[in-house]
N, C-alpha and C. Protein backbone atom coordinates (compact mmCIF):
# COMPACT_ATOMS: atom_id res chain seq x y z
N MET A 1 -5.51 10.00 -20.57
CA MET A 1 -5.21 10.97 -19.49
C MET A 1 -3.58 11.64 -19.71
N ASN A 2 -3.10 12.61 -20.00
CA ASN A 2 -1.96 13.24 -20.42
C ASN A 2 -1.28 13.18 -18.41
N SER A 3 0.05 13.30 -18.34
CA SER A 3 0.49 13.43 -17.17
C SER A 3 0.23 14.94 -16.95
N GLN A 4 0.13 15.69 -17.09
CA GLN A 4 -0.06 16.94 -16.62
C GLN A 4 -1.99 16.91 -15.82
N GLN A 5 -2.89 16.16 -16.68
CA GLN A 5 -3.99 16.11 -16.27
C GLN A 5 -3.82 15.13 -15.05
N GLN A 6 -3.11 13.85 -15.13
CA GLN A 6 -2.93 12.79 -13.76
C GLN A 6 -2.41 13.95 -12.61
N SER A 7 -1.54 14.67 -12.69
CA SER A 7 -0.92 15.34 -11.64
C SER A 7 -1.50 16.77 -11.13
N THR A 8 -2.26 17.15 -12.15
CA THR A 8 -3.87 17.63 -11.24
C THR A 8 -4.60 16.72 -10.89
N LEU A 9 -4.94 15.99 -11.07
CA LEU A 9 -5.78 14.64 -10.17
C LEU A 9 -5.20 14.30 -9.54
N ARG A 10 -4.33 14.15 -9.47
CA ARG A 10 -3.29 13.43 -7.90
C ARG A 10 -3.62 14.32 -6.81
N GLN A 11 -2.91 15.99 -7.56
CA GLN A 11 -3.32 17.10 -6.15
C GLN A 11 -4.32 17.52 -5.66
N SER A 12 -5.42 17.08 -6.81
CA SER A 12 -7.07 17.26 -6.08
C SER A 12 -7.07 16.40 -5.32
N ILE A 13 -6.86 14.80 -5.38
CA ILE A 13 -7.22 13.93 -4.54
C ILE A 13 -6.52 14.26 -3.09
N ARG A 14 -4.93 14.51 -3.41
CA ARG A 14 -4.76 14.92 -2.07
C ARG A 14 -5.03 16.19 -1.23
N ASP A 15 -5.19 16.95 -1.75
CA ASP A 15 -5.92 17.85 -0.69
C ASP A 15 -7.71 17.96 -0.53
N LYS A 16 -8.16 16.43 -0.89
CA LYS A 16 -9.25 16.58 -0.49
C LYS A 16 -8.79 15.41 0.57
N ARG A 17 -7.87 15.01 0.58
CA ARG A 17 -7.45 13.74 1.76
C ARG A 17 -7.02 15.02 2.76
N SER A 18 -6.66 15.46 2.55
CA SER A 18 -5.85 16.08 3.84
C SER A 18 -7.08 16.73 4.31
N LEU A 19 -7.96 16.99 4.23
CA LEU A 19 -9.23 17.88 4.92
C LEU A 19 -10.09 16.72 5.54
N ILE A 20 -9.45 15.80 5.44
CA ILE A 20 -10.10 14.45 6.67
C ILE A 20 -9.46 15.20 8.46
N SER A 21 -10.25 14.79 8.96
CA SER A 21 -10.04 15.59 10.78
C SER A 21 -9.31 14.31 11.41
N LYS A 22 -8.49 14.38 12.22
CA LYS A 22 -7.67 13.40 12.96
C LYS A 22 -9.18 12.44 13.49
N GLN A 23 -10.11 12.88 13.77
CA GLN A 23 -10.93 12.03 14.67
C GLN A 23 -11.35 11.00 13.39
N GLU A 24 -11.68 11.55 12.20
CA GLU A 24 -12.50 10.55 11.39
C GLU A 24 -11.22 9.54 10.76
N GLN A 25 -9.63 10.39 10.64
CA GLN A 25 -9.06 9.84 10.31
C GLN A 25 -8.69 8.14 11.28
N GLN A 26 -8.68 8.42 12.51
CA GLN A 26 -8.56 7.26 13.41
C GLN A 26 -9.83 6.27 13.18
N GLN A 27 -11.20 7.06 12.79
CA GLN A 27 -12.17 5.75 12.78
C GLN A 27 -11.86 5.13 11.62
N HIS A 28 -10.91 5.82 10.91
CA HIS A 28 -11.33 5.15 9.29
C HIS A 28 -10.45 4.22 9.28
N SER A 29 -8.97 4.16 9.68
CA SER A 29 -8.07 3.33 10.36
C SER A 29 -8.69 2.25 11.14
N GLU A 30 -9.17 2.24 11.87
CA GLU A 30 -9.99 1.03 12.82
C GLU A 30 -11.14 0.41 11.87
N SER A 31 -12.12 1.17 11.32
CA SER A 31 -12.57 0.16 10.69
C SER A 31 -11.85 -0.53 9.26
N ILE A 32 -10.88 -0.21 8.74
CA ILE A 32 -10.17 -0.51 8.12
C ILE A 32 -9.63 -2.03 8.36
N ILE A 33 -8.26 -1.67 9.74
CA ILE A 33 -8.18 -2.65 10.49
C ILE A 33 -9.13 -3.65 10.61
N HIS A 34 -10.25 -3.42 10.90
CA HIS A 34 -11.41 -4.66 11.60
C HIS A 34 -11.64 -5.35 10.14
N GLN A 35 -11.93 -4.69 9.37
CA GLN A 35 -12.56 -5.53 7.86
C GLN A 35 -11.49 -6.16 7.42
N LEU A 36 -10.16 -5.88 7.56
CA LEU A 36 -9.23 -6.72 7.14
C LEU A 36 -8.91 -7.74 8.07
N ILE A 37 -9.06 -7.59 9.33
CA ILE A 37 -8.60 -8.78 9.82
C ILE A 37 -9.33 -10.25 10.09
N HIS A 38 -10.77 -9.85 9.52
CA HIS A 38 -12.05 -10.59 9.59
C HIS A 38 -12.13 -11.19 8.19
N SER A 39 -11.10 -10.91 6.87
CA SER A 39 -11.49 -11.29 5.72
C SER A 39 -10.58 -12.45 5.56
N ARG A 40 -11.00 -13.29 4.68
CA ARG A 40 -10.33 -14.61 4.47
C ARG A 40 -9.01 -14.52 3.78
N VAL A 41 -9.00 -13.61 3.25
CA VAL A 41 -7.22 -13.04 2.77
C VAL A 41 -6.31 -12.97 3.55
N TYR A 42 -6.59 -12.25 4.97
CA TYR A 42 -6.02 -12.02 5.88
C TYR A 42 -5.73 -13.64 6.44
N GLN A 43 -6.71 -14.14 6.89
CA GLN A 43 -6.64 -15.17 7.25
C GLN A 43 -5.41 -16.38 7.26
N ASN A 44 -5.71 -16.27 5.34
CA ASN A 44 -4.88 -17.14 4.44
C ASN A 44 -3.16 -16.51 4.65
N SER A 45 -3.17 -15.13 5.00
CA SER A 45 -2.16 -14.81 4.56
C SER A 45 -1.11 -15.18 5.88
N TYR A 46 0.41 -15.00 5.68
CA TYR A 46 1.31 -15.39 6.61
C TYR A 46 2.19 -14.19 6.50
N ASP A 47 3.08 -14.06 5.40
CA ASP A 47 3.82 -12.96 4.86
C ASP A 47 2.96 -12.02 4.28
N ILE A 48 2.92 -10.37 5.36
CA ILE A 48 2.24 -8.92 4.82
C ILE A 48 3.22 -7.87 5.10
N ALA A 49 3.35 -7.85 3.49
CA ALA A 49 3.51 -6.26 3.49
C ALA A 49 2.60 -5.25 3.61
N LEU A 50 3.11 -4.37 4.31
CA LEU A 50 2.21 -3.06 4.26
C LEU A 50 2.96 -2.28 4.76
N TYR A 51 3.09 -0.54 4.79
CA TYR A 51 3.67 0.70 4.70
C TYR A 51 3.19 1.50 6.42
N LEU A 52 4.23 2.60 6.25
CA LEU A 52 4.01 2.86 7.34
C LEU A 52 3.53 4.76 6.45
N CYS A 53 2.52 5.03 7.07
CA CYS A 53 1.58 6.41 6.47
C CYS A 53 2.91 7.99 6.70
N THR A 54 1.84 8.47 5.35
CA THR A 54 2.45 9.62 5.45
C THR A 54 1.56 10.84 4.44
N ASP A 55 1.15 11.62 4.73
CA ASP A 55 0.62 12.52 3.96
C ASP A 55 -0.70 12.46 3.71
N GLY A 56 -1.29 12.01 4.61
CA GLY A 56 -2.77 11.35 5.11
C GLY A 56 -3.58 10.11 4.53
N GLU A 57 -2.40 9.41 3.95
CA GLU A 57 -2.90 8.11 4.11
C GLU A 57 -3.50 7.69 5.21
N VAL A 58 -4.42 6.49 5.25
CA VAL A 58 -4.60 5.85 5.61
C VAL A 58 -3.66 5.03 6.86
N ASP A 59 -3.75 5.22 8.37
CA ASP A 59 -2.97 4.67 9.22
C ASP A 59 -3.14 2.93 9.32
N LEU A 60 -1.98 2.52 9.35
CA LEU A 60 -1.75 1.27 9.46
C LEU A 60 -1.21 0.46 10.91
N ASN A 61 -0.67 1.72 11.60
CA ASN A 61 0.40 1.70 12.40
C ASN A 61 -0.50 0.59 13.34
N SER A 62 -1.49 0.57 14.12
CA SER A 62 -1.69 -0.35 15.00
C SER A 62 -2.22 -1.64 14.26
N LEU A 63 -2.44 -2.17 13.30
CA LEU A 63 -2.27 -3.21 12.95
C LEU A 63 -0.58 -3.86 12.87
N ILE A 64 0.27 -3.33 12.91
CA ILE A 64 1.60 -4.18 13.13
C ILE A 64 1.45 -4.93 14.13
N SER A 65 1.09 -4.38 15.42
CA SER A 65 0.80 -5.24 16.72
C SER A 65 0.01 -6.66 16.98
N ILE A 66 -0.97 -6.52 15.88
CA ILE A 66 -1.88 -7.55 15.71
C ILE A 66 -1.10 -8.44 14.84
N LEU A 67 -0.80 -7.92 13.90
CA LEU A 67 0.12 -8.83 12.90
C LEU A 67 1.07 -10.18 13.91
N PHE A 68 1.76 -9.52 14.53
CA PHE A 68 2.64 -9.82 15.63
C PHE A 68 1.62 -10.81 16.36
N GLN A 69 0.97 -10.47 17.24
CA GLN A 69 0.43 -10.93 18.06
C GLN A 69 -0.41 -12.74 16.89
N ASP A 70 -1.09 -12.25 15.74
CA ASP A 70 -1.42 -13.69 15.33
C ASP A 70 0.02 -14.18 14.47
N ASN A 71 0.80 -14.06 15.06
CA ASN A 71 2.36 -15.09 13.95
C ASN A 71 2.14 -14.46 12.72
N LYS A 72 1.97 -13.64 12.27
CA LYS A 72 1.91 -13.30 10.92
C LYS A 72 3.81 -12.42 10.86
N LYS A 73 4.44 -12.86 9.63
CA LYS A 73 5.42 -11.98 9.49
C LYS A 73 5.01 -10.48 8.51
N VAL A 74 5.67 -9.60 9.37
CA VAL A 74 5.16 -8.28 8.71
C VAL A 74 7.06 -7.74 7.95
N TYR A 75 6.39 -7.02 6.21
CA TYR A 75 7.23 -6.39 5.91
C TYR A 75 7.14 -4.76 5.41
N LEU A 76 8.13 -3.94 5.25
CA LEU A 76 7.87 -3.31 5.37
C LEU A 76 8.53 -2.46 4.10
N PRO A 77 8.07 -1.26 2.60
CA PRO A 77 9.33 -1.02 1.54
C PRO A 77 10.35 -0.47 1.92
N ILE A 78 11.30 -0.40 1.10
CA ILE A 78 12.60 -0.38 1.44
C ILE A 78 12.95 0.34 -0.12
N ILE A 79 13.02 1.84 -0.14
CA ILE A 79 13.65 2.44 -1.24
C ILE A 79 15.32 2.42 -1.40
N LEU A 80 15.41 1.56 -2.28
CA LEU A 80 16.88 0.84 -3.11
C LEU A 80 17.52 2.39 -4.00
N SER A 81 16.76 3.17 -4.81
CA SER A 81 16.88 3.71 -5.55
C SER A 81 16.23 4.90 -5.90
N ALA A 82 16.18 5.52 -5.25
CA ALA A 82 14.84 6.98 -6.09
C ALA A 82 15.17 7.30 -7.17
N GLN A 83 16.40 7.55 -7.70
CA GLN A 83 17.13 7.92 -9.09
C GLN A 83 16.27 6.73 -10.02
N LYS A 84 16.26 5.29 -10.00
CA LYS A 84 15.65 4.66 -10.85
C LYS A 84 14.68 3.83 -10.09
N GLY A 85 13.92 4.40 -9.05
CA GLY A 85 12.57 3.83 -8.91
C GLY A 85 12.33 2.76 -8.39
N ILE A 86 13.64 2.12 -7.74
CA ILE A 86 13.20 0.94 -7.21
C ILE A 86 13.40 0.58 -5.36
N MET A 87 11.98 0.12 -5.38
CA MET A 87 12.06 -0.78 -4.35
C MET A 87 11.77 -2.03 -4.16
N LYS A 88 12.20 -2.61 -2.51
CA LYS A 88 11.72 -3.84 -2.17
C LYS A 88 11.57 -3.88 -0.84
N PHE A 89 10.92 -5.03 -0.29
CA PHE A 89 10.92 -5.63 0.63
C PHE A 89 11.37 -6.04 2.24
N ALA A 90 11.52 -5.16 3.30
CA ALA A 90 12.19 -6.15 4.43
C ALA A 90 12.07 -6.20 5.52
N PRO A 91 11.45 -7.50 6.00
CA PRO A 91 11.00 -8.15 7.42
C PRO A 91 11.29 -6.50 8.48
N TYR A 92 9.90 -6.31 9.19
CA TYR A 92 9.88 -5.62 9.96
C TYR A 92 9.68 -6.29 11.98
N HIS A 93 10.69 -6.03 12.73
CA HIS A 93 10.28 -6.36 13.81
C HIS A 93 10.18 -5.33 14.59
N HIS A 94 9.49 -5.14 16.22
CA HIS A 94 9.45 -4.64 17.00
C HIS A 94 10.68 -3.95 17.42
N GLU A 95 11.33 -4.63 18.03
CA GLU A 95 13.15 -4.30 18.24
C GLU A 95 13.64 -3.65 17.10
N LYS A 96 13.49 -3.85 15.71
CA LYS A 96 14.13 -3.11 14.54
C LYS A 96 14.05 -1.38 14.61
N LEU A 97 15.18 -1.33 14.28
CA LEU A 97 15.81 0.20 14.33
C LEU A 97 14.95 0.76 12.97
N LEU A 98 14.46 1.59 12.77
CA LEU A 98 13.79 2.60 11.51
C LEU A 98 14.77 4.09 11.07
N GLU A 99 14.51 3.75 10.40
CA GLU A 99 15.53 5.44 9.66
C GLU A 99 14.48 5.84 8.46
N LYS A 100 14.64 7.04 8.69
CA LYS A 100 14.09 7.81 7.63
C LYS A 100 14.63 8.16 6.09
N ASN A 101 14.20 7.53 4.78
CA ASN A 101 14.41 7.27 3.84
C ASN A 101 14.14 8.76 2.61
N CYS A 102 14.95 9.22 1.81
CA CYS A 102 15.21 9.94 0.89
C CYS A 102 13.70 10.92 1.14
N PHE A 103 12.40 10.57 1.02
CA PHE A 103 11.40 11.07 1.33
C PHE A 103 10.89 11.15 2.86
N GLY A 104 11.64 10.97 3.69
CA GLY A 104 11.16 11.12 4.85
C GLY A 104 10.11 10.07 5.60
N ILE A 105 10.29 9.15 4.81
CA ILE A 105 9.55 8.10 5.47
C ILE A 105 10.33 6.78 6.06
N LEU A 106 9.92 6.26 7.46
CA LEU A 106 10.55 5.83 8.45
C LEU A 106 10.52 4.32 7.22
N GLU A 107 12.01 3.48 7.36
CA GLU A 107 11.91 2.59 6.74
C GLU A 107 13.22 1.45 7.87
N PRO A 108 12.71 -0.12 7.94
CA PRO A 108 13.92 -0.57 9.01
C PRO A 108 15.02 -0.31 8.06
N LEU A 109 16.05 -0.66 9.29
CA LEU A 109 17.51 -1.36 8.64
C LEU A 109 18.02 -2.07 8.29
N TYR A 110 18.73 -2.92 7.07
CA TYR A 110 18.03 -4.18 6.96
C TYR A 110 19.55 -4.70 5.71
N GLU A 111 19.54 -5.87 5.59
CA GLU A 111 21.08 -6.05 5.06
C GLU A 111 20.58 -6.57 3.62
N ASP A 112 21.34 -6.88 2.73
CA ASP A 112 20.88 -7.07 1.20
C ASP A 112 20.50 -8.45 1.72
N LYS A 113 20.72 -9.22 2.54
CA LYS A 113 19.79 -10.80 2.75
C LYS A 113 18.75 -10.69 3.12
N ASP A 114 17.91 -9.87 3.87
CA ASP A 114 16.43 -9.32 4.38
C ASP A 114 16.03 -9.48 3.22
N LEU A 115 16.28 -8.86 2.16
CA LEU A 115 15.11 -8.29 0.95
C LEU A 115 14.54 -9.37 0.37
N VAL A 116 13.16 -9.76 0.17
CA VAL A 116 12.46 -10.83 0.35
C VAL A 116 12.18 -10.66 -1.50
N ALA A 117 11.82 -11.27 -2.62
CA ALA A 117 10.96 -11.62 -3.34
C ALA A 117 9.71 -11.43 -3.13
N ILE A 118 8.92 -11.22 -4.36
CA ILE A 118 7.39 -10.64 -4.26
C ILE A 118 7.19 -11.92 -4.25
N GLU A 119 7.48 -12.93 -4.77
CA GLU A 119 6.81 -14.25 -4.41
C GLU A 119 6.99 -14.71 -2.75
N GLN A 120 7.52 -14.13 -2.03
CA GLN A 120 7.55 -14.71 -0.87
C GLN A 120 6.61 -14.20 0.06
N LEU A 121 5.96 -13.01 -0.25
CA LEU A 121 4.74 -12.10 0.12
C LEU A 121 3.49 -12.59 -0.63
N ASP A 122 2.49 -12.84 1.30
CA ASP A 122 1.01 -12.97 0.65
C ASP A 122 0.10 -12.06 0.26
N LEU A 123 0.65 -11.42 0.92
CA LEU A 123 -0.21 -10.08 1.25
C LEU A 123 0.38 -8.72 1.01
N ILE A 124 0.45 -7.77 -0.02
CA ILE A 124 0.83 -6.53 0.05
C ILE A 124 -0.58 -5.35 0.65
N LEU A 125 -0.57 -4.96 1.12
CA LEU A 125 -1.38 -4.00 1.42
C LEU A 125 -0.33 -2.22 0.87
N ALA A 126 -1.02 -1.72 0.01
CA ALA A 126 -0.47 -0.29 -0.87
C ALA A 126 -1.02 0.88 -0.73
N PRO A 127 -0.52 2.15 0.23
CA PRO A 127 -1.27 3.03 0.13
C PRO A 127 -1.47 3.23 -1.66
N LEU A 128 -2.17 4.70 -1.64
CA LEU A 128 -2.72 4.98 -3.02
C LEU A 128 -3.23 6.71 -2.90
N VAL A 129 -3.33 7.24 -4.12
CA VAL A 129 -3.81 8.59 -4.29
C VAL A 129 -5.56 8.41 -4.62
N GLY A 130 -5.10 7.66 -5.56
CA GLY A 130 -6.67 7.32 -6.71
C GLY A 130 -7.25 6.04 -6.86
N PHE A 131 -8.14 5.54 -6.70
CA PHE A 131 -8.41 4.12 -7.39
C PHE A 131 -10.01 4.27 -8.24
N ASP A 132 -9.84 3.69 -8.61
CA ASP A 132 -11.47 3.61 -9.93
C ASP A 132 -11.75 1.64 -9.33
N GLU A 133 -12.94 1.57 -10.11
CA GLU A 133 -13.59 0.58 -9.52
C GLU A 133 -13.49 -0.75 -10.37
N SER A 134 -11.98 -0.84 -11.62
CA SER A 134 -11.69 -1.45 -12.28
C SER A 134 -10.25 -2.39 -11.44
N GLY A 135 -9.99 -1.60 -10.92
CA GLY A 135 -8.80 -2.06 -9.86
C GLY A 135 -7.67 -0.83 -10.38
N ASN A 136 -7.63 0.08 -11.07
CA ASN A 136 -6.48 0.70 -11.53
C ASN A 136 -6.40 1.71 -10.09
N ARG A 137 -5.27 2.08 -10.29
CA ARG A 137 -4.58 3.02 -9.18
C ARG A 137 -3.65 4.33 -9.91
N ILE A 138 -3.61 5.30 -8.90
CA ILE A 138 -2.37 6.67 -9.19
C ILE A 138 -1.91 6.64 -7.65
N GLY A 139 -0.72 6.47 -7.89
CA GLY A 139 0.00 6.57 -6.41
C GLY A 139 0.98 8.14 -6.48
N MET A 140 1.84 8.54 -5.98
CA MET A 140 2.26 9.34 -6.03
C MET A 140 3.21 10.04 -7.20
N GLY A 141 3.70 8.94 -8.30
CA GLY A 141 3.99 9.46 -9.52
C GLY A 141 5.57 8.61 -9.64
N GLY A 142 5.58 7.94 -8.67
CA GLY A 142 7.14 7.26 -8.58
C GLY A 142 7.10 6.07 -9.23
N GLY A 143 6.32 5.63 -9.49
CA GLY A 143 6.01 4.36 -10.15
C GLY A 143 7.02 2.93 -9.22
N TYR A 144 6.75 2.94 -8.03
CA TYR A 144 7.79 2.42 -7.16
C TYR A 144 7.10 1.12 -6.81
N TYR A 145 5.97 1.06 -6.67
CA TYR A 145 4.79 -0.27 -6.46
C TYR A 145 5.13 -0.74 -7.85
N ASP A 146 4.72 -0.35 -8.78
CA ASP A 146 4.52 -0.37 -10.76
C ASP A 146 5.88 -1.77 -10.80
N ARG A 147 6.97 -0.66 -10.34
CA ARG A 147 8.33 -1.76 -10.86
C ARG A 147 8.13 -2.87 -9.76
N ALA A 148 8.12 -2.61 -8.56
CA ALA A 148 8.52 -3.56 -7.64
C ALA A 148 7.80 -4.97 -7.77
N LEU A 149 6.46 -4.54 -8.17
CA LEU A 149 5.52 -5.87 -8.92
C LEU A 149 5.33 -6.15 -9.99
N GLN A 150 6.27 -5.88 -11.05
CA GLN A 150 5.73 -6.51 -12.34
C GLN A 150 5.30 -8.05 -12.44
N ASN A 151 6.54 -8.44 -11.17
CA ASN A 151 5.73 -9.93 -11.70
C ASN A 151 4.24 -10.26 -11.40
N LEU A 152 3.56 -9.27 -10.80
CA LEU A 152 2.54 -10.29 -10.89
C LEU A 152 1.22 -10.05 -12.06
N LYS A 153 1.67 -9.53 -12.90
CA LYS A 153 1.36 -8.96 -14.13
C LYS A 153 1.17 -10.68 -14.88
N THR A 154 2.14 -11.22 -14.51
CA THR A 154 1.98 -12.62 -15.09
C THR A 154 0.50 -13.62 -14.80
N GLY A 155 -0.11 -12.72 -13.43
CA GLY A 155 -0.74 -13.80 -12.76
C GLY A 155 -0.59 -15.00 -12.03
N ALA A 156 0.67 -15.58 -12.29
CA ALA A 156 1.04 -17.00 -11.87
C ALA A 156 1.59 -16.96 -10.49
N LEU A 157 1.65 -15.65 -9.58
CA LEU A 157 1.87 -15.41 -8.47
C LEU A 157 0.72 -15.28 -7.29
N LYS A 158 0.82 -16.00 -6.58
CA LYS A 158 0.12 -16.19 -5.06
C LYS A 158 -0.35 -15.00 -4.67
N THR A 159 0.50 -13.97 -4.47
CA THR A 159 0.74 -12.50 -3.83
C THR A 159 -0.60 -11.81 -4.29
N GLN A 160 -1.39 -11.45 -3.03
CA GLN A 160 -2.60 -10.37 -3.38
C GLN A 160 -2.12 -8.89 -3.11
N PHE A 161 -2.86 -8.13 -3.86
CA PHE A 161 -2.26 -6.59 -3.83
C PHE A 161 -3.33 -6.19 -4.08
N ILE A 162 -3.54 -5.55 -2.50
CA ILE A 162 -4.65 -4.69 -1.94
C ILE A 162 -4.48 -3.43 -1.38
N GLY A 163 -5.48 -2.39 -2.42
CA GLY A 163 -5.09 -0.90 -2.08
C GLY A 163 -5.87 -0.26 -0.87
N VAL A 164 -5.48 0.07 -0.18
CA VAL A 164 -5.73 0.87 1.25
C VAL A 164 -5.94 2.38 0.76
N ALA A 165 -6.80 2.71 1.43
CA ALA A 165 -7.50 4.17 1.00
C ALA A 165 -8.94 4.42 1.78
N HIS A 166 -9.32 5.94 1.67
CA HIS A 166 -10.32 6.44 2.41
C HIS A 166 -11.20 6.78 0.95
N GLU A 167 -12.31 6.24 1.23
CA GLU A 167 -13.39 5.77 0.47
C GLU A 167 -13.18 7.49 -0.48
N LEU A 168 -13.01 8.38 0.29
CA LEU A 168 -13.40 9.59 -0.89
C LEU A 168 -12.22 9.66 -1.98
N GLN A 169 -11.57 9.13 -1.98
CA GLN A 169 -10.31 8.82 -2.90
C GLN A 169 -10.55 8.30 -4.23
N LYS A 170 -12.09 7.49 -3.96
CA LYS A 170 -12.72 6.89 -6.00
C LYS A 170 -13.15 7.95 -6.85
N VAL A 171 -12.29 7.48 -7.79
CA VAL A 171 -12.72 8.52 -9.06
C VAL A 171 -13.54 7.84 -9.65
N GLU A 172 -14.09 8.06 -10.94
CA GLU A 172 -15.03 7.43 -11.52
C GLU A 172 -14.25 6.49 -12.49
N LYS A 173 -12.67 7.22 -13.16
CA LYS A 173 -11.71 6.15 -14.19
C LYS A 173 -10.86 6.75 -13.86
N LEU A 174 -9.84 5.63 -14.21
CA LEU A 174 -8.32 6.32 -14.43
C LEU A 174 -7.97 5.36 -15.20
N GLN A 175 -7.57 6.38 -16.58
CA GLN A 175 -6.60 5.11 -17.41
C GLN A 175 -5.27 4.38 -17.21
N ALA A 176 -5.46 3.69 -17.32
CA ALA A 176 -4.43 2.40 -17.25
C ALA A 176 -3.16 2.44 -18.46
N ARG A 177 -2.09 2.75 -17.77
CA ARG A 177 -1.25 2.57 -19.05
C ARG A 177 -0.49 1.11 -18.98
N LYS A 178 0.36 0.74 -19.95
CA LYS A 178 0.88 -0.45 -19.84
C LYS A 178 2.01 -0.85 -18.60
N TRP A 179 2.19 -0.32 -17.74
CA TRP A 179 3.40 -0.39 -17.20
C TRP A 179 2.41 -0.85 -15.40
N ASP A 180 1.34 -0.06 -15.30
CA ASP A 180 0.45 -0.31 -14.10
C ASP A 180 0.21 -1.40 -13.73
N ILE A 181 0.07 -1.57 -12.67
CA ILE A 181 -0.31 -3.16 -11.74
C ILE A 181 -1.78 -3.25 -11.18
N PRO A 182 -2.28 -3.54 -11.35
CA PRO A 182 -3.90 -3.73 -11.16
C PRO A 182 -3.75 -3.78 -9.86
N LEU A 183 -4.88 -3.44 -9.25
CA LEU A 183 -4.95 -4.00 -7.43
C LEU A 183 -6.10 -5.06 -7.77
N HIS A 184 -5.73 -6.20 -7.05
CA HIS A 184 -6.93 -7.27 -6.42
C HIS A 184 -7.91 -6.83 -6.04
N GLY A 185 -7.85 -6.07 -5.19
CA GLY A 185 -9.12 -5.27 -4.42
C GLY A 185 -8.51 -3.95 -3.48
N ILE A 186 -9.87 -2.93 -3.28
CA ILE A 186 -9.49 -1.81 -2.15
C ILE A 186 -10.26 -2.12 -0.95
N ILE A 187 -9.67 -1.81 0.35
CA ILE A 187 -10.17 -1.89 1.42
C ILE A 187 -10.08 -0.08 2.19
N THR A 188 -11.69 0.45 1.87
CA THR A 188 -11.53 1.97 2.64
C THR A 188 -12.12 1.30 3.48
N GLU A 189 -12.62 2.73 4.34
CA GLU A 189 -13.50 2.39 5.71
C GLU A 189 -15.03 1.76 5.34
N GLU A 190 -15.44 1.77 4.20
CA GLU A 190 -16.77 1.81 4.00
C GLU A 190 -17.40 0.11 3.30
N ARG A 191 -15.82 -0.02 2.54
CA ARG A 191 -16.01 -1.77 2.25
C ARG A 191 -14.67 -2.75 2.12
N PHE A 192 -14.80 -3.75 1.53
CA PHE A 192 -13.25 -4.26 1.29
C PHE A 192 -14.27 -4.88 0.00
N SER A 193 -13.93 -4.96 -1.06
CA SER A 193 -14.15 -5.10 -2.31
C SER A 193 -12.80 -5.29 -2.89
N TYR A 194 -13.47 -6.78 -3.84
CA TYR A 194 -12.48 -7.30 -4.92
C TYR A 194 -12.32 -6.91 -6.41
N PHE A 195 -11.65 -6.75 -7.14
CA PHE A 195 -12.52 -6.35 -8.88
C PHE A 195 -12.23 -7.21 -9.69
């Protein structure tokens, strides 16, 4: 699949996702959060990274208070350089101030010493545009997660990389590129599957 085909596919899935009603969005979020918090990977994870949704992505905001109640640590992505596609993760607390990044997505204010290495995270819940049943994903096209998670390719890390999506974002087959980081699993409103 060339870059033009991938761009067309990305837009097509985003268009389908935009047709999900607010009520369905909420139902999907509740189902996904329910499945997640009853999963073994959640029970065994302490340091958990997630995202603040945009553009029809599954909304995990209500999961944040559950994480705090369960004494888990919460981390959010931080864009360090849009030009170079560099992203890291910083801790988030309810009292921490948020500001919009270059894409208009909220992220916590941080100091360099706050940024954590991927090795410190037990679970990363990532948004995506599309996924297939082999664990391949297509994101927004910036490659931020692929660059940030390169160390996961070695297989030596305990970090679980789980995609979060609506079931209608599934496609038959995505062509993996050499720099793509495959998902360990996917969670949708219908299932939590490992690849």
